[in-house]
Protein backbone atom coordinates (compact mmCIF):
# COMPACT_ATOMS: atom_id res chain seq x y z
CA MET A 1 109.75 109.91 80.55
CA PRO A 2 111.89 112.31 82.56
CA GLU A 3 115.51 111.57 81.69
CA LEU A 4 118.49 111.12 83.94
CA PRO A 5 119.41 114.76 84.38
CA GLU A 6 115.80 115.64 85.38
CA VAL A 7 115.54 112.77 87.81
CA GLU A 8 119.02 113.43 89.24
CA THR A 9 118.01 117.11 89.77
CA MET A 10 114.84 115.91 91.55
CA ARG A 11 116.94 113.63 93.73
CA ARG A 12 119.31 116.41 94.69
CA GLY A 13 116.45 118.80 95.26
CA VAL A 14 114.87 116.53 97.91
CA LEU A 15 118.17 115.54 99.72
CA GLY A 16 117.07 118.02 102.44
CA VAL A 17 114.47 115.52 103.65
CA VAL A 18 117.19 113.07 104.79
CA GLY A 19 116.73 112.52 108.53
CA ALA A 20 113.01 113.37 108.50
CA THR A 21 110.44 111.10 110.09
CA ILE A 22 107.34 110.17 108.04
CA ALA A 23 104.36 111.45 110.09
CA ASN A 24 101.51 110.71 107.60
CA VAL A 25 100.97 109.55 104.05
CA LYS A 26 97.88 110.84 102.11
CA ARG A 27 96.47 110.22 98.67
CA PRO A 28 94.80 113.50 97.87
CA PRO A 29 91.45 113.54 96.15
CA CYS A 30 92.11 113.40 92.40
CA THR A 31 89.53 112.94 89.57
CA LYS A 32 92.31 112.28 86.98
CA LYS A 33 93.61 108.92 85.90
CA PRO A 34 95.02 107.34 89.07
CA ILE A 35 98.69 106.40 89.30
CA SER A 36 99.83 103.00 90.40
CA ILE A 37 100.79 102.74 94.11
CA THR A 38 102.03 99.35 95.28
CA PRO A 39 101.13 97.78 97.65
CA ALA A 40 97.51 99.04 98.16
CA MET A 41 97.30 102.43 99.78
CA GLY A 42 96.45 101.20 103.30
CA THR A 43 99.41 98.82 103.39
CA PHE A 44 101.61 101.31 101.71
CA ARG A 45 100.79 103.89 104.37
CA ARG A 46 101.46 101.44 107.25
CA LYS A 47 104.84 100.55 105.72
CA LEU A 48 105.91 104.19 105.82
CA LEU A 49 104.44 105.61 109.00
CA GLY A 50 107.05 106.37 111.65
CA LYS A 51 109.97 105.50 109.38
CA GLN A 52 112.98 107.76 109.05
CA ILE A 53 114.33 108.68 105.63
CA ILE A 54 118.06 107.95 105.83
CA ASP A 55 119.05 108.63 102.21
CA ILE A 56 117.74 109.69 98.75
CA ALA A 57 119.06 107.58 95.89
CA ARG A 58 118.47 107.23 92.15
CA VAL A 59 118.18 104.12 90.01
CA GLY A 60 118.08 105.09 86.30
CA LYS A 61 115.01 107.25 85.90
CA ARG A 62 113.65 106.67 89.47
CA VAL A 63 113.94 108.57 92.72
CA VAL A 64 114.46 106.24 95.67
CA LEU A 65 113.70 106.95 99.36
CA VAL A 66 115.81 104.74 101.61
CA LEU A 67 114.06 104.13 104.95
CA ASP A 68 115.66 103.15 108.23
CA ASP A 69 114.43 99.54 108.06
CA ASP A 70 116.34 99.33 104.74
CA SER A 71 113.13 99.23 102.71
CA ARG A 72 112.69 101.57 99.77
CA VAL A 73 110.06 103.79 98.17
CA ILE A 74 110.65 103.94 94.44
CA MET A 75 109.11 106.99 92.66
CA GLU A 76 109.10 106.58 88.91
CA PRO A 77 108.07 109.91 87.29
CA ARG A 78 107.80 108.64 83.72
CA MET A 79 106.69 111.30 81.23
CA THR A 80 105.07 113.97 83.37
CA GLY A 81 105.73 113.10 87.08
CA LEU A 82 107.47 115.42 89.50
CA VAL A 83 108.96 114.88 92.95
CA LEU A 84 108.52 118.21 94.82
CA ILE A 85 109.20 119.85 98.20
CA THR A 86 107.18 122.88 97.44
CA ASP A 87 103.73 123.83 96.07
CA PRO A 88 102.86 121.75 92.99
CA PRO A 89 101.97 123.30 89.62
CA THR A 90 98.29 122.42 90.19
CA LEU A 91 96.34 120.74 92.96
CA ASP A 92 94.33 118.73 90.38
CA HIS A 93 97.20 116.35 89.55
CA LEU A 94 98.62 115.96 93.04
CA ARG A 95 98.93 112.15 93.57
CA LEU A 96 100.74 111.55 96.90
CA GLU A 97 101.59 113.58 99.94
CA ILE A 98 104.14 112.42 102.49
CA GLN A 99 104.06 114.58 105.59
CA LEU A 100 107.35 114.88 107.45
CA GLU A 101 108.57 115.67 111.01
CA ASN A 102 112.02 116.65 112.37
CA CYS A 103 112.84 118.37 109.06
CA GLU A 104 112.86 121.85 107.53
CA VAL A 105 110.75 120.49 104.73
CA ASP A 106 107.09 119.83 105.79
CA THR A 107 105.97 117.66 102.83
CA LEU A 108 107.28 115.56 100.06
CA LEU A 109 104.97 115.50 97.05
CA PHE A 110 104.44 113.39 93.94
CA TRP A 111 102.71 115.27 91.14
CA ASP A 112 101.71 113.82 87.70
CA ARG A 113 99.81 115.52 85.00
CA ARG A 114 99.16 112.39 82.84
CA GLY A 115 99.01 109.76 85.56
CA LEU A 116 101.72 107.58 84.04
CA GLY A 117 104.05 107.49 87.04
CA THR A 118 104.32 104.80 89.62
CA ILE A 119 105.20 104.50 93.29
CA ARG A 120 106.33 101.28 94.88
CA TRP A 121 107.37 100.22 98.42
CA MET A 122 109.84 97.34 98.39
CA SER A 123 111.75 95.46 101.03
CA ALA A 124 115.59 95.48 100.67
CA SER A 125 115.64 92.04 99.10
CA GLU A 126 112.81 92.83 96.68
CA PHE A 127 114.63 96.00 95.63
CA ASP A 128 117.93 94.21 95.07
CA GLU A 129 116.22 91.61 92.86
CA ALA A 130 114.06 94.04 90.92
CA PHE A 131 116.98 96.35 90.00
CA SER A 132 119.69 93.84 89.57
CA ARG A 133 121.74 93.67 86.32
CA LYS A 134 119.24 91.17 85.08
CA HIS A 135 116.65 93.83 84.79
CA ILE A 136 118.39 97.16 84.44
CA GLY A 137 121.63 98.21 82.76
CA PRO A 138 124.63 100.08 84.31
CA ASP A 139 124.10 103.71 85.08
CA ALA A 140 124.92 106.11 82.32
CA LEU A 141 126.82 108.40 84.67
CA ASP A 142 129.08 105.63 85.95
CA ILE A 143 130.44 103.78 82.94
CA ASP A 144 133.59 104.01 80.74
CA TRP A 145 133.74 103.46 77.06
CA LYS A 146 134.51 99.74 77.31
CA ILE A 147 131.45 99.04 79.38
CA LEU A 148 129.41 101.22 76.99
CA ARG A 149 130.68 99.18 74.03
CA ASP A 150 130.00 95.89 75.82
CA CYS A 151 126.38 96.89 76.42
CA PHE A 152 125.65 97.27 72.76
CA ALA A 153 128.50 96.13 70.45
CA THR A 154 126.76 92.91 69.28
CA SER A 155 123.44 94.65 68.56
CA ARG A 156 122.37 95.46 65.00
CA ARG A 157 120.00 98.16 66.19
CA ALA A 158 120.52 101.84 65.34
CA ILE A 159 122.61 103.41 68.07
CA LYS A 160 120.02 106.04 68.95
CA VAL A 161 117.35 103.37 69.50
CA ALA A 162 119.73 101.19 71.45
CA LEU A 163 120.70 103.97 73.86
CA LEU A 164 117.08 104.20 74.99
CA ASP A 165 117.01 100.54 76.12
CA GLN A 166 117.01 100.79 79.92
CA LYS A 167 117.84 97.05 80.31
CA ARG A 168 121.19 97.74 78.53
CA LEU A 169 121.97 101.25 79.89
CA ALA A 170 120.00 103.06 82.57
CA GLY A 171 119.13 106.72 82.52
CA ILE A 172 119.33 108.02 78.96
CA GLY A 173 116.12 109.17 77.29
CA ASN A 174 115.32 110.52 73.90
CA LEU A 175 116.41 114.19 74.28
CA TYR A 176 119.85 113.36 75.71
CA ALA A 177 120.51 110.51 73.31
CA ALA A 178 120.27 112.96 70.40
CA GLU A 179 122.51 115.47 72.10
CA ILE A 180 125.14 112.84 72.99
CA LEU A 181 125.24 111.51 69.47
CA HIS A 182 125.62 114.99 67.97
CA LEU A 183 128.54 115.87 70.32
CA ALA A 184 130.22 112.57 69.50
CA LYS A 185 129.65 113.09 65.69
CA VAL A 186 127.81 109.72 65.40
CA HIS A 187 124.90 109.33 63.04
CA PRO A 188 121.77 108.17 64.85
CA GLU A 189 121.05 105.44 62.34
CA LYS A 190 124.50 103.87 62.55
CA GLU A 191 124.23 100.24 63.60
CA CYS A 192 125.87 99.40 66.99
CA ASP A 193 127.95 96.50 65.62
CA GLU A 194 129.49 98.85 62.99
CA LEU A 195 130.83 101.44 65.50
CA THR A 196 134.55 101.63 66.02
CA ALA A 197 136.40 101.78 69.33
CA HIS A 198 137.13 105.49 68.62
CA GLN A 199 133.39 106.15 68.20
CA TRP A 200 132.61 104.28 71.47
CA LYS A 201 135.22 106.46 73.22
CA LYS A 202 133.74 109.67 71.81
CA MET A 203 130.25 108.64 72.85
CA ALA A 204 131.30 107.81 76.38
CA THR A 205 133.05 111.20 76.71
CA ALA A 206 130.09 113.00 75.21
CA MET A 207 127.67 111.13 77.53
CA GLN A 208 129.55 112.37 80.63
CA GLN A 209 129.78 115.96 79.25
CA VAL A 210 126.12 116.20 78.23
CA LEU A 211 124.58 114.59 81.36
CA THR A 212 126.92 116.44 83.78
CA GLN A 213 126.16 119.82 82.16
CA ALA A 214 122.41 119.06 82.08
CA ILE A 215 122.40 118.21 85.74
CA ARG A 216 124.30 121.45 86.44
CA TYR A 217 121.57 123.36 84.63
CA GLU A 218 118.84 121.34 86.38
CA GLY A 219 117.39 119.59 83.39
CA SER A 220 115.38 120.72 80.35
CA THR A 221 112.07 122.45 80.51
CA LEU A 222 110.61 122.35 76.99
CA GLY A 223 107.83 124.30 75.41
CA ASP A 224 105.06 122.33 77.16
CA GLY A 225 106.47 123.31 80.52
CA THR A 226 106.03 119.87 81.96
CA TYR A 227 109.39 119.38 83.60
CA ARG A 228 110.02 121.34 86.81
CA ASN A 229 112.73 120.86 89.48
CA ALA A 230 111.99 119.90 92.98
CA LEU A 231 111.30 123.60 93.83
CA ASN A 232 108.71 123.84 90.93
CA GLN A 233 111.12 125.94 88.85
CA ASP A 234 112.23 125.64 85.18
CA GLY A 235 115.37 123.82 84.32
CA GLY A 236 117.93 125.69 82.21
CA TYR A 237 119.60 123.19 79.94
CA GLN A 238 117.17 123.71 77.11
CA SER A 239 119.19 126.84 76.17
CA LYS A 240 122.25 124.57 75.67
CA HIS A 241 120.64 122.10 73.26
CA LEU A 242 122.66 121.64 70.04
CA VAL A 243 120.06 119.70 67.91
CA TYR A 244 117.09 118.62 69.91
CA ALA A 245 113.85 120.19 68.60
CA LYS A 246 115.91 122.36 66.17
CA ALA A 247 114.77 120.84 62.84
CA GLY A 248 115.11 123.40 60.08
CA GLU A 249 117.58 125.57 61.95
CA VAL A 250 121.22 125.88 60.90
CA CYS A 251 123.46 123.60 62.96
CA GLY A 252 125.15 125.69 65.65
CA THR A 253 128.20 123.37 65.48
CA CYS A 254 129.17 123.47 61.80
CA GLN A 255 127.18 126.58 60.85
CA LYS A 256 126.51 125.11 57.42
CA GLU A 257 123.81 122.47 57.31
CA GLU A 258 120.23 122.47 58.70
CA VAL A 259 119.35 120.16 61.54
CA LEU A 260 117.10 117.27 60.32
CA ARG A 261 114.35 115.35 62.09
CA ILE A 262 113.63 111.68 61.50
CA VAL A 263 111.54 109.18 63.42
CA GLN A 264 113.13 106.08 64.99
CA ALA A 265 111.14 103.64 67.09
CA GLN A 266 108.23 106.13 67.13
CA ARG A 267 110.48 108.81 68.65
CA SER A 268 111.79 112.06 67.11
CA THR A 269 115.46 112.14 66.37
CA PHE A 270 117.38 115.33 65.53
CA TYR A 271 120.83 115.38 63.97
CA CYS A 272 123.10 117.37 61.65
CA PRO A 273 123.90 115.46 58.33
CA ARG A 274 127.26 117.27 58.06
CA CYS A 275 128.49 116.72 61.66
CA GLN A 276 127.03 113.21 61.89
CA LYS A 277 127.77 111.48 58.55
CA LEU A 278 126.43 107.97 58.01
């Protein structure tokens, strides 16, 4: 699933459509696995036609179009989805086309190679209920160390696994969890209820540093080239990774130990055993 910096970059990239009127909504022909669009396409189209986009927001790993009737269109890219304002990587995987008027941008696109993404229209009340604190945790960019600690302190899960729980904390995915823990010098297998106040503070600081820098560099485009920004260009943060996907390489922080790879909750974790002692 695209992580917070990638989705935040998509959100910023499409801010230019604010003020546009939705002239048409099309589901292009696609022979690939269909994505979920809710409600059904005919109703979805009627809900959007003629509406003005008054804001572009983000909820965790989702891009949100705010319409002038206070309803929302929630685009969840998941692993391979992209929200674009330019030509897509391929036409074969183009899933939704929103044509715009009164705007320098002609079209807003949703592209998804694997078809795991979802698009939903919701009324204001439905949106408030679906994304209340009952269902999604506080945003990773907006919390201090005490809130971070309160999200996880009673859990006996490994901290790396816990950080991926969107119901506890919204926006952090696998890649950035590894980078945050390395910068904070916290071992990924350390159980949450064993962490000290000092470690929670270091993690909160590292979280802001990693995510802010990743957004500045417009996210991480890895070897598979899946992630692209809203202009269909590579991100640049992959050149700043400290441990992610660097197993077997000498740690750039301590310059002494090799980065190790382990598997936690079926996801790869990378860390330095010298910098991040258990």
